[in-house]
C-alpha atoms as a PDB file:
ATOM      1  CA  MET A   1      33.108 -12.099  24.768  1.00  0.00           C
ATOM      2  CA  ASN A   2      36.878 -11.836  24.942  1.00  0.00           C
ATOM      3  CA  ASP A   3      38.124 -12.689  28.443  1.00  0.00           C
ATOM      4  CA  ILE A   4      40.907 -10.525  29.822  1.00  0.00           C
ATOM      5  CA  LEU A   5      41.175 -12.854  32.813  1.00  0.00           C
ATOM      6  CA  ASN A   6      40.179 -16.501  32.867  1.00  0.00           C
ATOM      7  CA  VAL A   7      40.517 -18.661  35.997  1.00  0.00           C
ATOM      8  CA  ARG A   8      39.576 -22.330  35.749  1.00  0.00           C
ATOM      9  CA  GLU A   9      39.348 -24.979  38.507  1.00  0.00           C
ATOM     10  CA  LEU A  10      41.762 -23.110  40.794  1.00  0.00           C
ATOM     11  CA  CYS A  11      42.846 -25.055  43.891  1.00  0.00           C
ATOM     12  CA  LYS A  12      45.045 -24.049  46.807  1.00  0.00           C
ATOM     13  CA  THR A  13      45.305 -25.869  50.147  1.00  0.00           C
ATOM     14  CA  TYR A  14      46.634 -24.510  53.424  1.00  0.00           C
ATOM     15  CA  ASP A  15      46.550 -26.177  56.862  1.00  0.00           C
ATOM     16  CA  GLN A  16      42.959 -25.165  57.645  1.00  0.00           C
ATOM     17  CA  PHE A  17      41.658 -23.844  54.321  1.00  0.00           C
ATOM     18  CA  THR A  18      41.125 -25.077  50.783  1.00  0.00           C
ATOM     19  CA  LEU A  19      40.303 -23.050  47.701  1.00  0.00           C
ATOM     20  CA  ASP A  20      38.246 -25.654  45.892  1.00  0.00           C
ATOM     21  CA  HIS A  21      38.108 -25.689  42.062  1.00  0.00           C
ATOM     22  CA  LEU A  22      37.180 -22.022  41.700  1.00  0.00           C
ATOM     23  CA  SER A  23      36.411 -20.640  38.245  1.00  0.00           C
ATOM     24  CA  LEU A  24      35.759 -17.027  37.240  1.00  0.00           C
ATOM     25  CA  SER A  25      36.424 -14.705  34.335  1.00  0.00           C
ATOM     26  CA  VAL A  26      36.561 -10.990  33.542  1.00  0.00           C
ATOM     27  CA  PRO A  27      35.426 -10.255  29.984  1.00  0.00           C
ATOM     28  CA  ALA A  28      36.703  -7.156  28.218  1.00  0.00           C
ATOM     29  CA  GLY A  29      34.354  -4.249  28.859  1.00  0.00           C
ATOM     30  CA  TYR A  30      32.945  -5.620  32.137  1.00  0.00           C
ATOM     31  CA  VAL A  31      33.292  -5.093  35.881  1.00  0.00           C
ATOM     32  CA  VAL A  32      33.129  -8.279  37.976  1.00  0.00           C
ATOM     33  CA  GLY A  33      32.394  -7.984  41.686  1.00  0.00           C
ATOM     34  CA  PHE A  34      34.031 -10.554  43.959  1.00  0.00           C
ATOM     35  CA  ILE A  35      32.312 -11.093  47.305  1.00  0.00           C
ATOM     36  CA  GLY A  36      32.353 -13.398  50.307  1.00  0.00           C
ATOM     37  CA  SER A  37      32.907 -13.259  54.044  1.00  0.00           C
ATOM     38  CA  ASN A  38      36.347 -12.787  55.585  1.00  0.00           C
ATOM     39  CA  GLY A  39      38.436 -15.900  55.006  1.00  0.00           C
ATOM     40  CA  ALA A  40      36.320 -17.035  52.051  1.00  0.00           C
ATOM     41  CA  GLY A  41      39.349 -17.171  49.738  1.00  0.00           C
ATOM     42  CA  LYS A  42      39.143 -13.894  47.824  1.00  0.00           C
ATOM     43  CA  THR A  43      42.683 -12.741  48.652  1.00  0.00           C
ATOM     44  CA  THR A  44      44.110 -16.214  47.961  1.00  0.00           C
ATOM     45  CA  THR A  45      42.460 -16.068  44.539  1.00  0.00           C
ATOM     46  CA  ILE A  46      43.850 -12.607  43.809  1.00  0.00           C
ATOM     47  CA  LEU A  47      47.368 -13.549  44.925  1.00  0.00           C
ATOM     48  CA  SER A  48      47.213 -16.620  42.677  1.00  0.00           C
ATOM     49  CA  ILE A  49      46.092 -14.513  39.703  1.00  0.00           C
ATOM     50  CA  LEU A  50      49.009 -12.150  40.277  1.00  0.00           C
ATOM     51  CA  GLY A  51      51.506 -15.004  40.559  1.00  0.00           C
ATOM     52  CA  LEU A  52      52.288 -14.118  44.188  1.00  0.00           C
ATOM     53  CA  THR A  53      51.291 -17.573  45.415  1.00  0.00           C
ATOM     54  CA  GLU A  54      51.435 -20.787  43.422  1.00  0.00           C
ATOM     55  CA  PRO A  55      48.159 -22.738  43.181  1.00  0.00           C
ATOM     56  CA  ASP A  56      48.109 -26.497  43.608  1.00  0.00           C
ATOM     57  CA  ASP A  57      45.948 -27.026  40.541  1.00  0.00           C
ATOM     58  CA  GLY A  58      43.950 -25.200  37.902  1.00  0.00           C
ATOM     59  CA  THR A  59      44.810 -22.674  35.209  1.00  0.00           C
ATOM     60  CA  ILE A  60      44.994 -18.886  35.056  1.00  0.00           C
ATOM     61  CA  GLU A  61      45.170 -16.896  31.827  1.00  0.00           C
ATOM     62  CA  LEU A  62      45.749 -13.151  31.526  1.00  0.00           C
ATOM     63  CA  PHE A  63      45.223 -11.595  28.093  1.00  0.00           C
ATOM     64  CA  GLY A  64      45.157 -15.101  26.637  1.00  0.00           C
ATOM     65  CA  GLU A  65      48.537 -16.085  28.098  1.00  0.00           C
ATOM     66  CA  PRO A  66      48.976 -18.606  30.952  1.00  0.00           C
ATOM     67  CA  VAL A  67      50.276 -17.485  34.330  1.00  0.00           C
ATOM     68  CA  GLY A  68      52.903 -20.059  35.257  1.00  0.00           C
ATOM     69  CA  PRO A  69      54.920 -20.801  38.412  1.00  0.00           C
ATOM     70  CA  GLU A  70      57.292 -17.952  37.562  1.00  0.00           C
ATOM     71  CA  GLY A  71      54.451 -15.427  37.960  1.00  0.00           C
ATOM     72  CA  LEU A  72      53.396 -12.617  35.650  1.00  0.00           C
ATOM     73  CA  SER A  73      55.465 -11.765  32.628  1.00  0.00           C
ATOM     74  CA  ALA A  74      56.895  -8.244  32.333  1.00  0.00           C
ATOM     75  CA  GLU A  75      54.287  -7.458  29.683  1.00  0.00           C
ATOM     76  CA  ALA A  76      51.421  -8.665  31.885  1.00  0.00           C
ATOM     77  CA  LYS A  77      52.665  -6.540  34.800  1.00  0.00           C
ATOM     78  CA  GLU A  78      52.455  -3.486  32.549  1.00  0.00           C
ATOM     79  CA  ARG A  79      48.856  -4.316  31.671  1.00  0.00           C
ATOM     80  CA  VAL A  80      47.537  -5.055  35.189  1.00  0.00           C
ATOM     81  CA  GLY A  81      46.931  -2.415  37.861  1.00  0.00           C
ATOM     82  CA  VAL A  82      46.567  -3.605  41.456  1.00  0.00           C
ATOM     83  CA  VAL A  83      45.200  -2.108  44.670  1.00  0.00           C
ATOM     84  CA  PHE A  84      45.601  -4.229  47.809  1.00  0.00           C
ATOM     85  CA  ASP A  85      43.737  -3.830  51.097  1.00  0.00           C
ATOM     86  CA  THR A  86      46.975  -2.545  52.670  1.00  0.00           C
ATOM     87  CA  VAL A  87      49.344  -0.036  51.092  1.00  0.00           C
ATOM     88  CA  ALA A  88      52.042  -1.933  49.179  1.00  0.00           C
ATOM     89  CA  LEU A  89      54.463   0.998  48.914  1.00  0.00           C
ATOM     90  CA  PRO A  90      57.569   1.862  51.021  1.00  0.00           C
ATOM     91  CA  SER A  91      56.293   3.396  54.252  1.00  0.00           C
ATOM     92  CA  ASP A  92      59.013   6.102  54.521  1.00  0.00           C
ATOM     93  CA  CYS A  93      58.606   7.204  50.912  1.00  0.00           C
ATOM     94  CA  PRO A  94      57.203  10.707  50.306  1.00  0.00           C
ATOM     95  CA  ILE A  95      54.224  10.660  47.963  1.00  0.00           C
ATOM     96  CA  ALA A  96      56.135  12.757  45.441  1.00  0.00           C
ATOM     97  CA  ASP A  97      58.811  10.049  45.216  1.00  0.00           C
ATOM     98  CA  VAL A  98      56.235   7.361  44.497  1.00  0.00           C
ATOM     99  CA  ALA A  99      56.243   8.762  40.959  1.00  0.00           C
ATOM    100  CA  LEU A 100      59.927   7.844  40.691  1.00  0.00           C
ATOM    101  CA  LEU A 101      59.081   4.249  41.597  1.00  0.00           C
ATOM    102  CA  GLY A 102      56.395   4.209  38.931  1.00  0.00           C
ATOM    103  CA  LYS A 103      58.705   5.637  36.279  1.00  0.00           C
ATOM    104  CA  ALA A 104      61.395   3.076  37.110  1.00  0.00           C
ATOM    105  CA  SER A 105      58.957   0.147  37.132  1.00  0.00           C
ATOM    106  CA  TYR A 106      56.639   0.789  34.178  1.00  0.00           C
ATOM    107  CA  ALA A 107      57.432   1.660  30.587  1.00  0.00           C
ATOM    108  CA  ARG A 108      53.954   3.144  30.204  1.00  0.00           C
ATOM    109  CA  TRP A 109      54.149   5.300  33.337  1.00  0.00           C
ATOM    110  CA  ASP A 110      52.259   8.588  32.932  1.00  0.00           C
ATOM    111  CA  GLY A 111      53.635  11.164  35.354  1.00  0.00           C
ATOM    112  CA  SER A 112      51.115  13.841  34.428  1.00  0.00           C
ATOM    113  CA  ARG A 113      48.265  11.416  35.089  1.00  0.00           C
ATOM    114  CA  PHE A 114      49.721  10.624  38.514  1.00  0.00           C
ATOM    115  CA  SER A 115      50.077  14.317  39.404  1.00  0.00           C
ATOM    116  CA  SER A 116      46.515  14.981  38.273  1.00  0.00           C
ATOM    117  CA  LEU A 117      45.162  12.142  40.418  1.00  0.00           C
ATOM    118  CA  LEU A 118      47.117  13.355  43.469  1.00  0.00           C
ATOM    119  CA  LYS A 119      45.360  16.716  43.145  1.00  0.00           C
ATOM    120  CA  GLU A 120      41.983  15.090  42.557  1.00  0.00           C
ATOM    121  CA  PHE A 121      42.414  12.895  45.644  1.00  0.00           C
ATOM    122  CA  CYS A 122      43.801  15.794  47.754  1.00  0.00           C
ATOM    123  CA  LEU A 123      47.037  13.903  48.395  1.00  0.00           C
ATOM    124  CA  GLU A 124      49.841  16.166  49.599  1.00  0.00           C
ATOM    125  CA  PRO A 125      53.093  15.245  47.746  1.00  0.00           C
ATOM    126  CA  SER A 126      55.276  16.010  50.780  1.00  0.00           C
ATOM    127  CA  LYS A 127      53.478  13.530  53.040  1.00  0.00           C
ATOM    128  CA  ARG A 128      55.019  10.140  53.666  1.00  0.00           C
ATOM    129  CA  VAL A 129      53.170   6.937  52.926  1.00  0.00           C
ATOM    130  CA  LYS A 130      53.239   5.872  56.599  1.00  0.00           C
ATOM    131  CA  ASP A 131      51.434   9.055  57.641  1.00  0.00           C
ATOM    132  CA  LEU A 132      48.408   8.443  55.431  1.00  0.00           C
ATOM    133  CA  SER A 133      45.072   7.263  56.776  1.00  0.00           C
ATOM    134  CA  ARG A 134      43.697   3.987  55.430  1.00  0.00           C
ATOM    135  CA  GLY A 135      41.416   5.846  53.056  1.00  0.00           C
ATOM    136  CA  MET A 136      44.156   8.129  51.737  1.00  0.00           C
ATOM    137  CA  GLY A 137      46.441   5.115  51.339  1.00  0.00           C
ATOM    138  CA  MET A 138      43.799   3.454  49.149  1.00  0.00           C
ATOM    139  CA  LYS A 139      43.585   6.613  47.036  1.00  0.00           C
ATOM    140  CA  LEU A 140      47.370   6.668  46.606  1.00  0.00           C
ATOM    141  CA  GLN A 141      47.419   3.029  45.489  1.00  0.00           C
ATOM    142  CA  LEU A 142      44.616   3.687  43.016  1.00  0.00           C
ATOM    143  CA  ALA A 143      46.429   6.724  41.620  1.00  0.00           C
ATOM    144  CA  PHE A 144      49.580   4.609  41.230  1.00  0.00           C
ATOM    145  CA  ALA A 145      47.698   1.743  39.574  1.00  0.00           C
ATOM    146  CA  LEU A 146      45.932   3.983  37.065  1.00  0.00           C
ATOM    147  CA  SER A 147      49.058   5.920  36.153  1.00  0.00           C
ATOM    148  CA  HIS A 148      50.779   3.107  34.260  1.00  0.00           C
ATOM    149  CA  ARG A 149      47.753   2.841  31.952  1.00  0.00           C
ATOM    150  CA  PRO A 150      46.648  -0.744  32.730  1.00  0.00           C
ATOM    151  CA  GLU A 151      43.970  -2.648  30.848  1.00  0.00           C
ATOM    152  CA  LEU A 152      42.847  -4.745  33.831  1.00  0.00           C
ATOM    153  CA  LEU A 153      42.380  -3.441  37.362  1.00  0.00           C
ATOM    154  CA  ILE A 154      42.374  -5.903  40.264  1.00  0.00           C
ATOM    155  CA  LEU A 155      41.111  -4.161  43.373  1.00  0.00           C
ATOM    156  CA  ASP A 156      41.038  -5.769  46.830  1.00  0.00           C
ATOM    157  CA  GLU A 157      38.763  -3.656  49.062  1.00  0.00           C
ATOM    158  CA  ALA A 158      39.760  -0.478  47.202  1.00  0.00           C
ATOM    159  CA  THR A 159      36.918   1.601  48.666  1.00  0.00           C
ATOM    160  CA  ALA A 160      37.383   0.382  52.259  1.00  0.00           C
ATOM    161  CA  GLY A 161      38.027   3.210  54.699  1.00  0.00           C
ATOM    162  CA  LEU A 162      36.652   5.890  52.385  1.00  0.00           C
ATOM    163  CA  ASP A 163      33.706   8.082  53.317  1.00  0.00           C
ATOM    164  CA  PRO A 164      30.644   7.950  51.028  1.00  0.00           C
ATOM    165  CA  ILE A 165      31.659  11.037  49.046  1.00  0.00           C
ATOM    166  CA  ALA A 166      35.183   9.733  48.444  1.00  0.00           C
ATOM    167  CA  ARG A 167      33.812   6.313  47.487  1.00  0.00           C
ATOM    168  CA  GLY A 168      31.574   7.984  44.944  1.00  0.00           C
ATOM    169  CA  GLU A 169      34.579   9.820  43.483  1.00  0.00           C
ATOM    170  CA  VAL A 170      36.536   6.575  43.190  1.00  0.00           C
ATOM    171  CA  LEU A 171      33.616   4.823  41.507  1.00  0.00           C
ATOM    172  CA  ASP A 172      33.371   7.692  39.029  1.00  0.00           C
ATOM    173  CA  ILE A 173      37.050   7.234  38.181  1.00  0.00           C
ATOM    174  CA  LEU A 174      36.517   3.504  37.708  1.00  0.00           C
ATOM    175  CA  ARG A 175      33.573   4.223  35.408  1.00  0.00           C
ATOM    176  CA  GLY A 176      35.855   6.510  33.411  1.00  0.00           C
ATOM    177  CA  PHE A 177      38.416   3.704  33.208  1.00  0.00           C
ATOM    178  CA  MET A 178      35.691   1.463  31.778  1.00  0.00           C
ATOM    179  CA  ASP A 179      34.907   3.930  28.978  1.00  0.00           C
ATOM    180  CA  ASP A 180      37.479   1.899  27.050  1.00  0.00           C
ATOM    181  CA  GLU A 181      35.662  -1.299  26.067  1.00  0.00           C
ATOM    182  CA  ASN A 182      38.951  -3.214  26.121  1.00  0.00           C
ATOM    183  CA  HIS A 183      39.349  -2.626  29.860  1.00  0.00           C
ATOM    184  CA  GLY A 184      38.079  -4.794  32.723  1.00  0.00           C
ATOM    185  CA  ILE A 185      37.905  -4.721  36.514  1.00  0.00           C
ATOM    186  CA  LEU A 186      37.894  -7.445  39.167  1.00  0.00           C
ATOM    187  CA  LEU A 187      36.649  -5.684  42.293  1.00  0.00           C
ATOM    188  CA  SER A 188      36.671  -7.466  45.646  1.00  0.00           C
ATOM    189  CA  SER A 189      34.584  -5.574  48.193  1.00  0.00           C
ATOM    190  CA  HIS A 190      32.488  -5.972  51.328  1.00  0.00           C
ATOM    191  CA  ILE A 191      30.599  -2.800  50.396  1.00  0.00           C
ATOM    192  CA  THR A 192      27.896  -4.387  48.293  1.00  0.00           C
ATOM    193  CA  SER A 193      26.222  -1.045  47.544  1.00  0.00           C
ATOM    194  CA  ASP A 194      29.370  -0.007  45.638  1.00  0.00           C
ATOM    195  CA  LEU A 195      29.206  -3.171  43.555  1.00  0.00           C
ATOM    196  CA  GLU A 196      25.545  -2.527  42.790  1.00  0.00           C
ATOM    197  CA  ARG A 197      26.555   0.830  41.330  1.00  0.00           C
ATOM    198  CA  ILE A 198      29.315  -0.409  39.064  1.00  0.00           C
ATOM    199  CA  ALA A 199      29.471  -4.208  38.632  1.00  0.00           C
ATOM    200  CA  ASP A 200      28.046  -6.090  35.648  1.00  0.00           C
ATOM    201  CA  TYR A 201      28.551  -9.533  37.196  1.00  0.00           C
ATOM    202  CA  VAL A 202      29.142 -10.751  40.723  1.00  0.00           C
ATOM    203  CA  VAL A 203      30.929 -13.886  41.935  1.00  0.00           C
ATOM    204  CA  CYS A 204      30.350 -15.049  45.512  1.00  0.00           C
ATOM    205  CA  ILE A 205      32.528 -17.603  47.297  1.00  0.00           C
ATOM    206  CA  ASP A 206      32.339 -19.092  50.778  1.00  0.00           C
ATOM    207  CA  SER A 207      34.888 -21.300  52.547  1.00  0.00           C
ATOM    208  CA  GLY A 208      36.876 -21.556  49.328  1.00  0.00           C
ATOM    209  CA  SER A 209      33.999 -22.737  47.132  1.00  0.00           C
ATOM    210  CA  MET A 210      31.811 -21.049  44.537  1.00  0.00           C
ATOM    211  CA  VAL A 211      28.372 -20.101  45.842  1.00  0.00           C
ATOM    212  CA  PHE A 212      27.003 -18.220  42.846  1.00  0.00           C
ATOM    213  CA  SER A 213      28.050 -16.351  39.730  1.00  0.00           C
ATOM    214  CA  LYS A 214      25.315 -14.046  38.454  1.00  0.00           C
ATOM    215  CA  SER A 215      24.803 -10.973  36.344  1.00  0.00           C
ATOM    216  CA  MET A 216      23.817  -7.966  38.428  1.00  0.00           C
ATOM    217  CA  ASP A 217      20.572  -7.846  36.464  1.00  0.00           C
ATOM    218  CA  GLU A 218      19.701 -11.353  37.695  1.00  0.00           C
ATOM    219  CA  VAL A 219      20.319 -10.296  41.288  1.00  0.00           C
ATOM    220  CA  ARG A 220      18.786  -6.844  41.333  1.00  0.00           C
ATOM    221  CA  ASP A 221      16.173  -6.760  38.583  1.00  0.00           C
ATOM    222  CA  ILE A 222      14.888 -10.340  38.310  1.00  0.00           C
ATOM    223  CA  ALA A 223      15.272 -12.039  41.702  1.00  0.00           C
ATOM    224  CA  GLY A 224      13.065 -11.188  44.653  1.00  0.00           C
ATOM    225  CA  ILE A 225      12.662 -11.720  48.381  1.00  0.00           C
ATOM    226  CA  ALA A 226       9.219 -12.854  49.499  1.00  0.00           C
ATOM    227  CA  HIS A 227       8.053 -12.279  53.070  1.00  0.00           C
ATOM    228  CA  CYS A 228       5.761 -15.161  53.965  1.00  0.00           C
ATOM    229  CA  ARG A 229       3.937 -17.033  56.669  1.00  0.00           C
ATOM    230  CA  SER A 230       4.973 -20.676  57.091  1.00  0.00           C
ATOM    231  CA  ALA A 231       1.894 -21.943  55.268  1.00  0.00           C
ATOM    232  CA  GLU A 232       2.613 -19.672  52.309  1.00  0.00           C
ATOM    233  CA  VAL A 233       6.151 -21.023  52.054  1.00  0.00           C
ATOM    234  CA  GLU A 234       4.813 -24.536  51.622  1.00  0.00           C
ATOM    235  CA  GLN A 235       2.244 -23.349  49.084  1.00  0.00           C
ATOM    236  CA  ILE A 236       5.002 -21.714  47.011  1.00  0.00           C
ATOM    237  CA  LEU A 237       7.116 -24.867  47.171  1.00  0.00           C
ATOM    238  CA  ASP A 238       4.166 -27.056  46.133  1.00  0.00           C
ATOM    239  CA  ALA A 239       2.984 -24.782  43.306  1.00  0.00           C
ATOM    240  CA  GLY A 240       5.622 -26.005  40.859  1.00  0.00           C
ATOM    241  CA  ILE A 241       6.447 -22.555  39.479  1.00  0.00           C
ATOM    242  CA  PHE A 242      10.080 -22.919  40.602  1.00  0.00           C
ATOM    243  CA  GLU A 243      12.360 -25.921  40.284  1.00  0.00           C
ATOM    244  CA  ARG A 244      13.123 -27.788  43.476  1.00  0.00           C
ATOM    245  CA  GLY A 245      16.459 -26.642  44.823  1.00  0.00           C
ATOM    246  CA  SER A 246      16.181 -23.125  43.369  1.00  0.00           C
ATOM    247  CA  LEU A 247      14.789 -21.366  46.466  1.00  0.00           C
ATOM    248  CA  ARG A 248      16.494 -20.258  49.664  1.00  0.00           C
ATOM    249  CA  VAL A 249      14.331 -20.130  52.799  1.00  0.00           C
ATOM    250  CA  LEU A 250      15.346 -18.276  55.962  1.00  0.00           C
ATOM    251  CA  ARG A 251      12.928 -18.523  58.873  1.00  0.00           C
ATOM    252  CA  GLY A 252      12.675 -15.663  61.357  1.00  0.00           C
ATOM    253  CA  GLY A 253      10.723 -14.987  64.516  1.00  0.00           C
ATOM    254  CA  TYR A 254       7.793 -13.271  62.831  1.00  0.00           C
ATOM    255  CA  SER A 255       8.025 -14.210  59.144  1.00  0.00           C
ATOM    256  CA  THR A 256      10.000 -16.258  56.683  1.00  0.00           C
ATOM    257  CA  GLU A 257      12.101 -14.825  53.862  1.00  0.00           C
ATOM    258  CA  VAL A 258      12.220 -16.717  50.582  1.00  0.00           C
ATOM    259  CA  LEU A 259      14.766 -15.833  47.909  1.00  0.00           C
ATOM    260  CA  VAL A 260      13.160 -16.534  44.530  1.00  0.00           C
ATOM    261  CA  PRO A 261      15.003 -16.418  41.180  1.00  0.00           C
ATOM    262  CA  ASP A 262      12.152 -14.554  39.432  1.00  0.00           C
ATOM    263  CA  ARG A 263       9.839 -12.316  41.433  1.00  0.00           C
ATOM    264  CA  SER A 264       7.511 -11.723  38.471  1.00  0.00           C
ATOM    265  CA  LEU A 265       6.645 -15.442  38.438  1.00  0.00           C
ATOM    266  CA  LEU A 266       5.887 -15.352  42.145  1.00  0.00           C
ATOM    267  CA  ASN A 267       3.806 -12.178  41.856  1.00  0.00           C
ATOM    268  CA  GLY A 268       1.763 -13.754  39.068  1.00  0.00           C
ATOM    269  CA  ALA A 269       1.027 -16.915  41.027  1.00  0.00           C
ATOM    270  CA  PHE A 270       0.767 -15.393  44.524  1.00  0.00           C
ATOM    271  CA  PRO A 271      -0.247 -11.719  44.223  1.00  0.00           C
ATOM    272  CA  ALA A 272      -1.084 -11.525  47.938  1.00  0.00           C
ATOM    273  CA  VAL A 273       2.483 -12.429  48.964  1.00  0.00           C
ATOM    274  CA  GLU A 274       4.761  -9.441  49.431  1.00  0.00           C
ATOM    275  CA  CYS A 275       7.836  -9.842  47.229  1.00  0.00           C
ATOM    276  CA  GLU A 276      10.402  -7.061  46.948  1.00  0.00           C
ATOM    277  CA  ARG A 277      13.410  -6.570  44.735  1.00  0.00           C
ATOM    278  CA  ALA A 278      16.580  -8.157  46.051  1.00  0.00           C
ATOM    279  CA  ASN A 279      19.681  -6.133  46.736  1.00  0.00           C
ATOM    280  CA  LEU A 280      23.096  -7.747  46.606  1.00  0.00           C
ATOM    281  CA  GLU A 281      23.613  -7.811  50.378  1.00  0.00           C
ATOM    282  CA  ASP A 282      20.329  -9.621  51.026  1.00  0.00           C
ATOM    283  CA  TYR A 283      20.841 -11.925  48.039  1.00  0.00           C
ATOM    284  CA  MET A 284      24.193 -12.997  49.479  1.00  0.00           C
ATOM    285  CA  ARG A 285      22.805 -13.280  53.042  1.00  0.00           C
ATOM    286  CA  LEU A 286      19.935 -15.511  52.016  1.00  0.00           C
ATOM    287  CA  THR A 287      22.111 -17.603  49.718  1.00  0.00           C
ATOM    288  CA  LEU A 288      24.673 -18.238  52.443  1.00  0.00           C
ATOM    289  CA  LYS A 289      22.299 -18.651  55.383  1.00  0.00           C
ATOM    290  CA  GLY A 290      19.045 -19.834  53.825  1.00  0.00           C
ATOM    291  CA  GLU A 291      17.901 -23.429  53.577  1.00  0.00           C
ATOM    292  CA  LEU A 292      17.969 -24.761  50.012  1.00  0.00           C
ATOM    293  CA  ARG A 293      14.489 -25.885  49.035  1.00  0.00           C
END
């Protein structure tokens, strides 16, 4: 696979936080979800990729070219569309004038595309940026990002603040963007159900360190969550069907949850143990909070 974005061993240290040798990539034709709790290091990673903060160590390549201390090249800026978790446009600017900013900033600016997206998102051109709700501000940023015809989208909580219908509309637009197999998306989001609908891979970090990097198929279609009694947990551990250190065990008041990497193996060996498909939210919860066994 040809990587649009390649991050290797990225490090950045602040007074009370360290991004610790993080690696991730976005292959052409794929959507990569980027998850973790608040303060995990997702925004620091994104700012480093965009050349808005200088990492202490590691390498970043966009479209095969290194991102150096001077930040993104003019060509790379044309090819990357960005949506931040806050609106990065002049607050007093009318929406109609945002098109003028786009035309002045990007050689590939498509004014008709921008106008079409404003209508699709029900954005009134006469409104000022500062008067938009959080959700409408996200829509405006997405319209702006898509209108200079990027090849890579980097989205930081792009669906935050949107109602379920609006989120579905945005995801449909992102799917349309991915109709071009040369495109890619890095999508940071706390709304794991959105990632389940669109992501091919998911990268999870916690306290600046990698926790897991998995295909969505591994999370949703292969892994499972077993609901066990304490004795059954020990039987599963002693059975030898899973490698030591591959299970996560979270004990509750009435039962114990066990995250297993392959539920079909567990079902074959322990048919009486209830084991359900994992969703991304529970996979992350058990990985972060469960005891490694």
